[in-house]
């Protein structure tokens, strides 16, 4: 299943908010999975200098990734497919 990077705003001084957002992202993905949509929360990366926080979701399409982000209250700015490196 593809991974999608969801770009959100997170102020430099609000780094503590990241954990709450991760919890909401995980909970929303689990709820959607129980409802039959194959999605999963993979993690997040905060870039304080740019006031950006990226959340990654495994999802069938960008539409489902955007939906789970919205349900988590992440207010996505952009959703793009991400191709992770594979360690062998």
Protein backbone atom coordinates (compact mmCIF):
# COMPACT_ATOMS: atom_id res chain seq x y z
CA UNK A 1 0.00 0.00 0.00
CA UNK A 2 1.38 3.46 -0.84
CA UNK A 3 2.42 5.99 1.78
CA UNK A 4 1.24 9.59 1.76
CA UNK A 5 2.87 12.61 3.34
CA UNK A 6 0.40 15.06 4.87
CA UNK A 7 1.85 18.54 5.37
CA UNK A 8 0.48 20.60 8.26
CA UNK A 9 1.36 23.82 10.08
CA UNK A 10 2.85 23.45 13.58
CA UNK A 11 4.33 26.54 15.20
CA UNK A 12 7.92 26.42 16.37
CA UNK A 13 6.90 26.91 20.00
CA UNK A 14 4.14 24.27 19.88
CA UNK A 15 6.30 21.16 19.67
CA UNK A 16 4.37 19.64 22.59
CA UNK A 17 1.25 19.62 20.41
CA UNK A 18 2.90 17.04 18.14
CA UNK A 19 2.19 14.13 20.52
CA UNK A 20 -1.49 15.06 20.75
CA UNK A 21 -1.71 15.24 16.96
CA UNK A 22 0.01 11.86 16.62
CA UNK A 23 -2.50 10.34 19.04
CA UNK A 24 -5.40 11.83 17.05
CA UNK A 25 -3.89 10.61 13.75
CA UNK A 26 -3.45 7.08 15.10
CA UNK A 27 -6.97 7.05 16.58
CA UNK A 28 -8.57 8.34 13.38
CA UNK A 29 -6.71 5.76 11.27
CA UNK A 30 -7.78 2.95 13.61
CA UNK A 31 -11.40 4.13 13.51
CA UNK A 32 -11.40 4.29 9.71
CA UNK A 33 -9.81 0.84 9.52
CA UNK A 34 -12.58 -0.55 11.75
CA UNK A 35 -15.09 1.06 9.34
CA UNK A 36 -13.49 -0.76 6.41
CA UNK A 37 -11.05 1.80 4.95
CA UNK A 38 -7.52 0.42 4.80
CA UNK A 39 -5.43 3.20 6.34
CA UNK A 40 -2.66 3.27 8.91
CA UNK A 41 -0.68 5.95 10.71
CA UNK A 42 3.07 5.57 10.10
CA UNK A 43 4.63 8.50 11.96
CA UNK A 44 5.44 12.20 11.91
CA UNK A 45 8.33 14.60 11.39
CA UNK A 46 8.35 18.12 12.83
CA UNK A 47 10.52 20.79 11.19
CA UNK A 48 10.34 23.60 13.79
CA UNK A 49 12.39 26.09 11.77
CA UNK A 50 9.83 25.94 8.95
CA UNK A 51 6.85 25.49 11.30
CA UNK A 52 5.80 22.40 9.36
CA UNK A 53 4.84 18.96 10.62
CA UNK A 54 4.53 16.03 8.24
CA UNK A 55 2.38 13.00 9.03
CA UNK A 56 2.67 9.80 7.03
CA UNK A 57 -0.20 7.44 6.40
CA UNK A 58 -0.44 4.16 4.52
CA UNK A 59 -3.57 4.46 2.39
CA UNK A 60 -4.97 3.27 -0.94
CA UNK A 61 -4.94 6.84 -2.29
CA UNK A 62 -4.27 10.45 -1.38
CA UNK A 63 -8.00 10.94 -0.92
CA UNK A 64 -8.12 8.48 1.99
CA UNK A 65 -4.94 9.97 3.48
CA UNK A 66 -6.49 13.45 3.35
CA UNK A 67 -9.71 12.13 4.88
CA UNK A 68 -7.97 10.49 7.85
CA UNK A 69 -5.93 13.67 8.39
CA UNK A 70 -9.10 15.77 8.37
CA UNK A 71 -10.83 13.39 10.79
CA UNK A 72 -7.81 13.74 13.09
CA UNK A 73 -8.12 17.53 12.97
CA UNK A 74 -4.71 17.97 11.34
CA UNK A 75 -5.86 20.63 8.84
CA UNK A 76 -3.77 19.32 5.92
CA UNK A 77 -2.13 21.89 3.67
CA UNK A 78 -0.99 19.35 1.11
CA UNK A 79 -1.08 15.58 0.56
CA UNK A 80 1.49 13.88 -1.67
CA UNK A 81 2.59 10.29 -2.25
CA UNK A 82 5.88 9.47 -0.55
CA UNK A 83 8.22 6.64 -1.50
CA UNK A 84 10.26 5.49 1.51
CA UNK A 85 13.71 3.98 1.09
CA UNK A 86 13.85 0.25 1.58
CA UNK A 87 16.59 -1.07 3.86
CA UNK A 88 17.91 -4.45 2.83
